[in-house]
Amino acid sequence: MKRATAFLTVVLMASAIGAQASQKIVSFDPAYKGAIDKSVESVGGKISRKFTLINSLVATFPDNLKDSSIYSLKGVTDVAEDSYIRWIEAAPASMNSVPLPSVESALNMIRTGEGWDAPVFSEIRPAVDPAEKEIPWGVKRVNAAGAWNATAGQGVKVAIVDTGMDFTHPDLAANYKGGWNAIVSTASPMDDQGHGTHVSGTIGAVRDSNGVVGVAPKADLYAVKVLDKNGSGQYSWVVAGIEWAVMHGMNVINMSLGGGSGTEALKQIMIKSKEMGVAVVCAAGNDSGPVNYPAKYPEAIAISASDSSDKLAYFSSRGPEVVVIAPGVNVYSTRKGGGYTTMSGTSMACPHAAGLAALAVGAGAKGSDEVRAALKAAATPLPGLKPTDQGAGMVDAAKLVK
């Protein structure tokens, strides 16, 4: 009897596992838009999200249903797992392989002021220029102030598609104009991780002689929360966030996130973004390898990262997709909950470029192609770096407004 009971338990458990739902992103031919819902439901699918700008939807299916069965539905062109992945990764420490100076030599450097260009110190210079305490080194390096007499990004709408934003931060509150939570549509896009708040400050922290100032300190900032407190999210959340930004008339989208692969829906929303005149600026990635997605798509404006010595950051992904390079090591910016902190990554380089894109729009650039062209025209190649490392080079904001 006990064996029979145990066997029955195993069977029931197996049945339960087989009945679990699997979430997919289904793309389809627009000719079947009116019929796709019933087709999906005919194989046990339950639609949880429908996109407006692209011919894709999100649905859960019985776990034992093979993708081939979904592909067999009339009009279906692609089926992808709506995977939950980590989209942001902190740049790994680089100090381990560099020998530290002796106490004697360090004290001598402090006395004489010489030797600070040594590799070990190239990434730990003061985060804020003492002469202009509100301007972090990266904002100064792209010469953002050189454009401010002509435009500081006023009237330009920038969406930060990320972990959300601490829109109560004193350096962000004045420029925050709203947003959306793609994970829980009824919730606010408040940042519960910190990444999005840091990114937001580099783009558009206000110029008020306190804290930090962003590259485009008068830009309108919109928080689009697509990642949770772990910095992770489903592909459909990211696609939905981009779609919301496009539909709400953003001029620039900042995407300081990336993954090793894309989906048909992500590809299609990137194409639609460009078609509708939105410049989508994307971080290249932090794995020292090829450019990640969505930066890899041709519609993206992909950004690699430099350090304060104008070298390619050791962690930066690179490749022919890179459009320009921007500061991404030891970047000082706004912190969730108030105050300021330093972070590194192409995630930090990307908002420098998004801020520059906002300045380009403020100076008259219209649409993704014109923004891309303006950034490239205002860039100067950094010595010793290949085009695959830096694209057109480092942008000088003053050249955007000439």
Protein backbone atom coordinates (compact mmCIF):
# COMPACT_ATOMS: atom_id res chain seq x y z
CA MET A 1 0.00 0.00 0.00
CA LYS A 2 2.82 2.37 0.89
CA ARG A 3 4.50 1.64 -2.46
CA ALA A 4 1.25 2.35 -4.31
CA THR A 5 0.83 5.62 -2.43
CA ALA A 6 4.43 6.64 -3.18
CA PHE A 7 3.97 5.77 -6.86
CA LEU A 8 0.75 7.80 -7.01
CA THR A 9 2.55 10.75 -5.40
CA VAL A 10 5.29 10.61 -8.03
CA VAL A 11 2.69 10.46 -10.83
CA LEU A 12 0.80 13.44 -9.40
CA MET A 13 4.04 15.42 -9.04
CA ALA A 14 4.99 14.63 -12.63
CA SER A 15 1.55 15.71 -13.80
CA ALA A 16 1.85 18.96 -11.87
CA ILE A 17 5.24 19.67 -13.40
CA GLY A 18 3.84 18.91 -16.85
CA ALA A 19 0.98 21.34 -16.24
CA GLN A 20 3.26 24.26 -15.35
CA ALA A 21 3.07 27.26 -17.62
CA SER A 22 5.89 28.43 -19.85
CA GLN A 23 5.93 32.10 -20.90
CA LYS A 24 6.75 32.93 -24.51
CA ILE A 25 6.98 35.97 -26.74
CA VAL A 26 5.13 35.16 -29.94
CA SER A 27 5.68 37.26 -33.06
CA PHE A 28 3.31 37.05 -36.00
CA ASP A 29 2.55 38.30 -39.48
CA PRO A 30 0.47 41.51 -39.31
CA ALA A 31 -2.07 39.95 -41.70
CA TYR A 32 -3.09 37.61 -38.84
CA LYS A 33 -3.41 40.28 -36.16
CA GLY A 34 -7.17 39.82 -35.87
CA ALA A 35 -7.00 36.05 -35.56
CA ILE A 36 -3.86 35.46 -33.54
CA ASP A 37 -5.57 35.62 -30.13
CA LYS A 38 -7.89 32.71 -30.89
CA SER A 39 -5.06 30.73 -32.45
CA VAL A 40 -2.95 31.10 -29.31
CA GLU A 41 -5.89 30.18 -27.09
CA SER A 42 -6.63 27.12 -29.25
CA VAL A 43 -3.45 25.42 -28.01
CA GLY A 44 -3.96 26.39 -24.38
CA GLY A 45 -2.18 29.72 -24.45
CA LYS A 46 -3.22 32.58 -22.17
CA ILE A 47 -2.24 36.06 -23.38
CA SER A 48 -0.79 38.29 -20.66
CA ARG A 49 0.56 41.21 -22.70
CA LYS A 50 -0.06 42.59 -26.19
CA PHE A 51 2.26 45.09 -27.81
CA THR A 52 0.93 48.03 -29.78
CA LEU A 53 3.77 49.06 -32.07
CA ILE A 54 5.03 45.61 -33.04
CA ASN A 55 3.31 42.39 -34.03
CA SER A 56 4.16 40.41 -30.92
CA LEU A 57 2.42 39.27 -27.75
CA VAL A 58 3.29 37.51 -24.50
CA ALA A 59 1.45 34.34 -23.53
CA THR A 60 1.79 31.43 -21.15
CA PHE A 61 1.48 27.92 -22.54
CA PRO A 62 1.35 24.48 -20.92
CA ASP A 63 4.92 23.46 -20.24
CA ASN A 64 4.53 20.23 -22.21
CA LEU A 65 3.53 22.12 -25.35
CA LYS A 66 6.42 22.17 -27.80
CA ASP A 67 7.45 25.32 -29.61
CA SER A 68 6.79 23.51 -32.88
CA SER A 69 3.09 23.42 -31.99
CA ILE A 70 3.08 27.19 -31.52
CA TYR A 71 5.03 27.69 -34.75
CA SER A 72 2.40 25.65 -36.55
CA LEU A 73 -0.26 28.28 -35.80
CA LYS A 74 -1.13 30.34 -38.88
CA GLY A 75 0.77 33.60 -39.03
CA VAL A 76 3.33 32.86 -36.29
CA THR A 77 6.83 33.96 -37.36
CA ASP A 78 8.83 33.57 -34.14
CA VAL A 79 8.58 31.98 -30.70
CA ALA A 80 11.04 32.99 -27.96
CA GLU A 81 11.33 32.23 -24.27
CA ASP A 82 10.43 35.28 -22.21
CA SER A 83 13.56 34.66 -20.18
CA TYR A 84 14.23 36.35 -16.85
CA ILE A 85 17.91 37.35 -16.92
CA ARG A 86 20.31 39.74 -15.21
CA TRP A 87 20.65 42.75 -17.51
CA ILE A 88 23.15 44.79 -15.50
CA GLU A 89 26.50 43.66 -14.16
CA ALA A 90 28.97 45.67 -12.10
CA ALA A 91 32.31 46.09 -13.81
CA PRO A 92 34.83 43.69 -12.20
CA ALA A 93 37.66 45.15 -10.15
CA SER A 94 40.84 45.80 -12.10
CA MET A 95 43.26 46.62 -9.31
CA ASN A 96 44.31 43.05 -8.49
CA SER A 97 46.92 42.78 -11.23
CA VAL A 98 48.50 46.21 -10.58
CA PRO A 99 51.14 46.47 -7.83
CA LEU A 100 50.50 49.16 -5.22
CA PRO A 101 53.25 51.68 -4.46
CA SER A 102 55.21 51.53 -1.23
CA VAL A 103 54.22 53.80 1.65
CA GLU A 104 57.38 55.85 1.08
CA SER A 105 56.69 56.41 -2.62
CA ALA A 106 53.02 57.19 -1.94
CA LEU A 107 54.01 59.87 0.61
CA ASN A 108 56.49 61.27 -1.88
CA MET A 109 53.73 61.49 -4.51
CA ILE A 110 51.54 63.39 -2.08
CA ARG A 111 54.40 65.83 -1.28
CA THR A 112 55.49 66.45 -4.88
CA GLY A 113 52.22 65.98 -6.73
CA GLU A 114 54.05 63.80 -9.26
CA GLY A 115 53.42 60.23 -10.35
CA TRP A 116 49.64 60.26 -10.31
CA ASP A 117 49.52 59.20 -13.95
CA ALA A 118 50.82 55.76 -13.02
CA PRO A 119 48.38 52.99 -14.08
CA VAL A 120 47.43 52.18 -10.51
CA PHE A 121 46.12 55.70 -10.01
CA SER A 122 44.62 56.30 -13.44
CA GLU A 123 41.20 55.14 -12.22
CA ILE A 124 41.21 56.61 -8.70
CA ARG A 125 41.70 60.30 -9.32
CA PRO A 126 39.31 62.60 -7.49
CA ALA A 127 35.80 61.84 -8.75
CA VAL A 128 34.97 65.55 -8.77
CA ASP A 129 37.16 68.31 -10.16
CA PRO A 130 38.13 70.51 -7.16
CA ALA A 131 37.87 73.65 -9.32
CA GLU A 132 34.31 72.85 -10.37
CA LYS A 133 33.02 70.68 -7.58
CA GLU A 134 29.59 70.09 -9.09
CA ILE A 135 30.96 68.74 -12.38
CA PRO A 136 32.09 65.07 -12.23
CA TRP A 137 35.18 64.24 -14.26
CA GLY A 138 33.21 62.48 -16.99
CA VAL A 139 30.84 65.39 -17.54
CA LYS A 140 33.87 67.65 -17.74
CA ARG A 141 35.69 65.27 -20.11
CA VAL A 142 32.90 65.49 -22.71
CA ASN A 143 32.93 69.28 -22.25
CA ALA A 144 29.21 69.40 -21.50
CA ALA A 145 29.50 72.97 -20.21
CA GLY A 146 30.73 73.99 -23.66
CA ALA A 147 27.19 73.53 -24.95
CA TRP A 148 25.18 74.95 -22.05
CA ASN A 149 25.09 78.56 -23.29
CA ALA A 150 23.35 77.28 -26.42
CA THR A 151 21.36 74.38 -24.94
CA ALA A 152 21.28 72.42 -21.70
CA GLY A 153 18.71 70.00 -23.11
CA GLN A 154 15.65 72.04 -22.16
CA GLY A 155 12.49 70.55 -23.66
CA VAL A 156 14.25 67.33 -24.69
CA LYS A 157 12.53 64.18 -23.37
CA VAL A 158 14.88 61.43 -22.18
CA ALA A 159 13.64 58.04 -20.98
CA ILE A 160 15.88 56.00 -18.67
CA VAL A 161 14.89 52.37 -19.29
CA ASP A 162 16.42 50.75 -16.23
CA THR A 163 15.71 49.84 -12.59
CA GLY A 164 13.64 52.99 -12.14
CA MET A 165 14.67 56.28 -10.58
CA ASP A 166 14.68 57.79 -7.11
CA PHE A 167 12.73 60.78 -8.38
CA THR A 168 12.73 62.34 -4.90
CA HIS A 169 16.50 62.88 -5.06
CA PRO A 170 17.19 66.64 -4.80
CA ASP A 171 19.35 66.56 -7.94
CA LEU A 172 16.67 64.77 -9.99
CA ALA A 173 13.28 65.89 -8.65
CA ALA A 174 13.10 69.15 -10.63
CA ASN A 175 13.75 67.41 -13.96
CA TYR A 176 11.59 64.33 -13.33
CA LYS A 177 8.49 64.48 -15.51
CA GLY A 178 6.95 61.06 -14.99
CA GLY A 179 7.41 57.47 -16.04
CA TRP A 180 6.04 53.95 -16.00
CA ASN A 181 6.59 50.61 -14.34
CA ALA A 182 6.63 47.81 -16.93
CA ILE A 183 6.80 45.14 -14.23
CA VAL A 184 3.73 46.23 -12.24
CA SER A 185 1.84 48.80 -14.28
CA THR A 186 -0.04 50.12 -11.26
CA ALA A 187 3.17 50.80 -9.29
CA SER A 188 5.45 53.82 -9.52
CA PRO A 189 8.82 53.59 -11.30
CA MET A 190 10.68 54.19 -8.01
CA ASP A 191 14.16 52.68 -8.06
CA ASP A 192 14.63 49.78 -5.63
CA GLN A 193 18.10 48.83 -6.88
CA GLY A 194 20.10 52.02 -7.42
CA HIS A 195 21.45 51.58 -10.93
CA GLY A 196 18.83 53.71 -12.69
CA THR A 197 19.22 56.57 -10.22
CA HIS A 198 22.97 56.71 -10.83
CA VAL A 199 22.46 56.65 -14.60
CA SER A 200 19.82 59.40 -14.38
CA GLY A 201 22.15 61.79 -12.56
CA THR A 202 24.79 61.56 -15.27
CA ILE A 203 22.20 62.41 -17.91
CA GLY A 204 20.30 65.22 -16.24
CA ALA A 205 21.11 66.10 -12.64
CA VAL A 206 20.22 69.78 -12.13
CA ARG A 207 22.81 72.53 -12.07
CA ASP A 208 22.34 74.09 -8.63
CA SER A 209 25.88 74.35 -7.17
CA ASN A 210 25.18 71.27 -5.03
CA GLY A 211 25.94 67.60 -5.51
CA VAL A 212 26.53 66.81 -9.17
CA VAL A 213 25.40 68.15 -12.51
CA GLY A 214 24.46 66.03 -15.53
CA VAL A 215 25.49 66.39 -19.15
CA ALA A 216 22.07 67.85 -20.05
CA PRO A 217 20.98 69.52 -16.78
CA LYS A 218 17.68 70.88 -18.14
CA ALA A 219 16.48 67.75 -19.94
CA ASP A 220 13.10 66.25 -19.03
CA LEU A 221 13.74 62.89 -17.34
CA TYR A 222 11.33 59.93 -17.49
CA ALA A 223 11.86 56.78 -15.44
CA VAL A 224 10.85 53.53 -17.14
CA LYS A 225 11.27 50.63 -14.73
CA VAL A 226 11.94 47.36 -16.55
CA LEU A 227 14.34 45.72 -14.07
CA ASP A 228 13.69 44.61 -10.50
CA LYS A 229 15.70 45.02 -7.31
CA ASN A 230 18.14 42.36 -8.54
CA GLY A 231 18.87 44.23 -11.76
CA SER A 232 17.05 41.44 -13.59
CA GLY A 233 14.01 41.31 -15.80
CA GLN A 234 12.13 39.49 -18.51
CA TYR A 235 12.64 40.31 -22.17
CA SER A 236 9.00 41.36 -22.42
CA TRP A 237 9.49 43.97 -19.67
CA VAL A 238 12.33 45.56 -21.62
CA VAL A 239 10.38 45.53 -24.89
CA ALA A 240 7.34 47.02 -23.15
CA GLY A 241 9.48 49.75 -21.60
CA ILE A 242 10.94 50.77 -24.95
CA GLU A 243 7.47 50.76 -26.49
CA TRP A 244 6.10 53.00 -23.71
CA ALA A 245 8.95 55.47 -24.27
CA VAL A 246 8.38 55.60 -28.02
CA MET A 247 4.62 55.99 -27.65
CA HIS A 248 5.09 58.84 -25.15
CA GLY A 249 7.19 60.92 -27.50
CA MET A 250 10.69 60.51 -26.09
CA ASN A 251 13.53 62.05 -28.07
CA VAL A 252 16.22 59.89 -26.48
CA ILE A 253 16.15 56.52 -24.72
CA ASN A 254 19.04 55.48 -22.46
CA MET A 255 19.55 51.73 -22.09
CA SER A 256 22.39 50.99 -19.68
CA LEU A 257 21.64 47.28 -19.83
CA GLY A 258 22.47 44.34 -22.02
CA GLY A 259 22.24 40.63 -22.63
CA GLY A 260 24.07 38.04 -24.68
CA SER A 261 21.22 37.50 -27.11
CA GLY A 262 18.20 39.26 -28.52
CA THR A 263 14.69 38.27 -29.57
CA GLU A 264 12.57 39.05 -32.60
CA ALA A 265 10.36 41.33 -30.49
CA LEU A 266 13.37 43.27 -29.17
CA LYS A 267 14.70 43.62 -32.72
CA GLN A 268 11.35 44.87 -34.00
CA ILE A 269 10.89 47.47 -31.25
CA MET A 270 14.39 48.80 -31.94
CA ILE A 271 13.50 49.16 -35.62
CA LYS A 272 10.22 50.87 -34.72
CA SER A 273 12.02 53.25 -32.34
CA LYS A 274 14.26 54.46 -35.12
CA GLU A 275 11.37 54.74 -37.55
CA MET A 276 9.54 56.96 -35.08
CA GLY A 277 12.51 59.27 -34.60
CA VAL A 278 13.85 58.12 -31.24
CA ALA A 279 17.60 57.92 -30.62
CA VAL A 280 18.23 54.77 -28.56
CA VAL A 281 21.61 54.96 -26.79
CA CYS A 282 22.85 51.60 -25.48
CA ALA A 283 25.72 50.34 -23.31
CA ALA A 284 28.09 48.07 -25.23
CA GLY A 285 28.56 45.64 -22.31
CA ASN A 286 31.04 44.85 -19.54
CA ASP A 287 32.45 41.47 -20.56
CA SER A 288 35.45 42.67 -22.65
CA GLY A 289 33.98 40.76 -25.56
CA PRO A 290 31.62 41.50 -28.45
CA VAL A 291 28.92 44.15 -28.11
CA ASN A 292 25.83 42.92 -26.24
CA TYR A 293 22.13 43.27 -27.13
CA PRO A 294 20.33 45.61 -27.70
CA ALA A 295 23.47 47.68 -28.45
CA LYS A 296 24.36 45.19 -31.20
CA TYR A 297 21.31 46.08 -33.28
CA PRO A 298 22.11 48.54 -36.10
CA GLU A 299 19.39 50.90 -34.86
CA ALA A 300 21.19 51.37 -31.52
CA ILE A 301 23.81 54.00 -30.77
CA ALA A 302 26.33 51.73 -29.02
CA ILE A 303 28.72 53.20 -26.44
CA SER A 304 32.02 51.80 -25.16
CA ALA A 305 33.73 53.03 -21.98
CA SER A 306 36.96 54.94 -21.31
CA ASP A 307 38.87 55.65 -18.11
CA SER A 308 40.21 59.03 -16.95
CA SER A 309 43.43 58.47 -18.90
CA ASP A 310 41.52 58.14 -22.18
CA LYS A 311 42.24 54.41 -22.34
CA LEU A 312 39.63 51.82 -23.19
CA ALA A 313 38.17 50.56 -19.91
CA TYR A 314 39.48 47.04 -19.28
CA PHE A 315 35.93 45.68 -18.98
CA SER A 316 34.38 47.41 -22.00
CA SER A 317 32.86 45.34 -24.77
CA ARG A 318 33.92 46.46 -28.21
CA GLY A 319 33.24 45.85 -31.89
CA PRO A 320 32.23 47.48 -35.17
CA GLU A 321 28.87 48.48 -33.69
CA VAL A 322 30.44 51.06 -31.32
CA VAL A 323 29.52 54.62 -32.38
CA VAL A 324 31.45 56.67 -29.80
CA ILE A 325 33.28 56.18 -26.50
CA ALA A 326 32.43 57.93 -23.21
CA PRO A 327 33.72 58.04 -19.62
CA GLY A 328 32.77 54.91 -17.71
CA VAL A 329 35.26 54.35 -14.86
CA ASN A 330 34.73 55.77 -11.37
CA VAL A 331 31.80 57.91 -12.40
CA TYR A 332 30.35 60.00 -9.57
CA SER A 333 26.58 60.46 -9.64
CA THR A 334 23.30 60.35 -7.72
CA ARG A 335 22.55 57.54 -5.28
CA LYS A 336 19.22 55.94 -4.41
CA GLY A 337 17.99 57.32 -1.10
CA GLY A 338 19.95 60.55 -1.44
CA GLY A 339 23.60 61.44 -1.63
CA TYR A 340 26.12 60.35 -4.24
CA THR A 341 28.26 57.37 -5.14
CA THR A 342 30.85 56.15 -7.64
CA MET A 343 30.19 53.35 -10.12
CA SER A 344 31.93 51.92 -13.19
CA GLY A 345 30.75 50.23 -16.35
CA THR A 346 29.55 50.90 -19.87
CA SER A 347 26.32 51.52 -17.97
CA MET A 348 28.01 54.73 -16.76
CA ALA A 349 29.44 55.60 -20.18
CA CYS A 350 26.04 55.25 -21.86
CA PRO A 351 24.31 58.12 -19.96
CA HIS A 352 27.16 60.50 -20.86
CA ALA A 353 26.33 59.76 -24.49
CA ALA A 354 22.57 59.95 -23.89
CA GLY A 355 23.08 63.37 -22.31
CA LEU A 356 25.12 64.39 -25.35
CA ALA A 357 22.32 63.07 -27.57
CA ALA A 358 19.90 65.31 -25.66
CA LEU A 359 22.20 68.29 -26.29
CA ALA A 360 22.33 67.35 -29.98
CA VAL A 361 18.52 67.30 -30.11
CA GLY A 362 18.46 70.63 -28.30
CA ALA A 363 20.83 71.98 -30.97
CA GLY A 364 18.49 70.89 -33.75
CA ALA A 365 19.19 67.23 -34.55
CA LYS A 366 16.03 65.33 -35.46
CA GLY A 367 15.71 61.58 -35.28
CA SER A 368 18.16 58.79 -34.65
CA ASP A 369 20.24 59.21 -37.81
CA GLU A 370 20.82 62.93 -37.24
CA VAL A 371 21.73 62.38 -33.60
CA ARG A 372 24.16 59.62 -34.55
CA ALA A 373 25.72 61.84 -37.24
CA ALA A 374 25.99 64.78 -34.81
CA LEU A 375 27.78 62.68 -32.18
CA LYS A 376 30.22 61.27 -34.72
CA ALA A 377 30.93 64.70 -36.22
CA ALA A 378 31.67 66.12 -32.75
CA ALA A 379 34.00 63.25 -31.80
CA THR A 380 37.79 63.02 -31.93
CA PRO A 381 39.54 59.63 -32.01
CA LEU A 382 41.56 58.81 -28.88
CA PRO A 383 45.23 57.94 -29.57
CA GLY A 384 46.10 54.27 -29.38
CA LEU A 385 42.54 52.98 -29.67
CA LYS A 386 41.11 51.10 -32.65
CA PRO A 387 37.80 52.08 -34.27
CA THR A 388 36.27 48.92 -32.82
CA ASP A 389 37.27 50.19 -29.36
CA GLN A 390 35.92 53.72 -29.66
CA GLY A 391 33.91 54.22 -32.83
CA ALA A 392 34.41 57.85 -33.91
CA GLY A 393 36.05 58.71 -30.56
CA MET A 394 35.28 61.04 -27.64
CA VAL A 395 32.58 63.69 -28.15
CA ASP A 396 33.18 67.39 -27.43
CA ALA A 397 29.78 68.86 -26.55
CA ALA A 398 30.81 72.33 -27.74
CA LYS A 399 31.04 70.96 -31.29
CA LEU A 400 27.42 69.81 -31.12
CA VAL A 401 26.16 73.39 -30.98
CA LYS A 402 28.42 74.96 -33.61
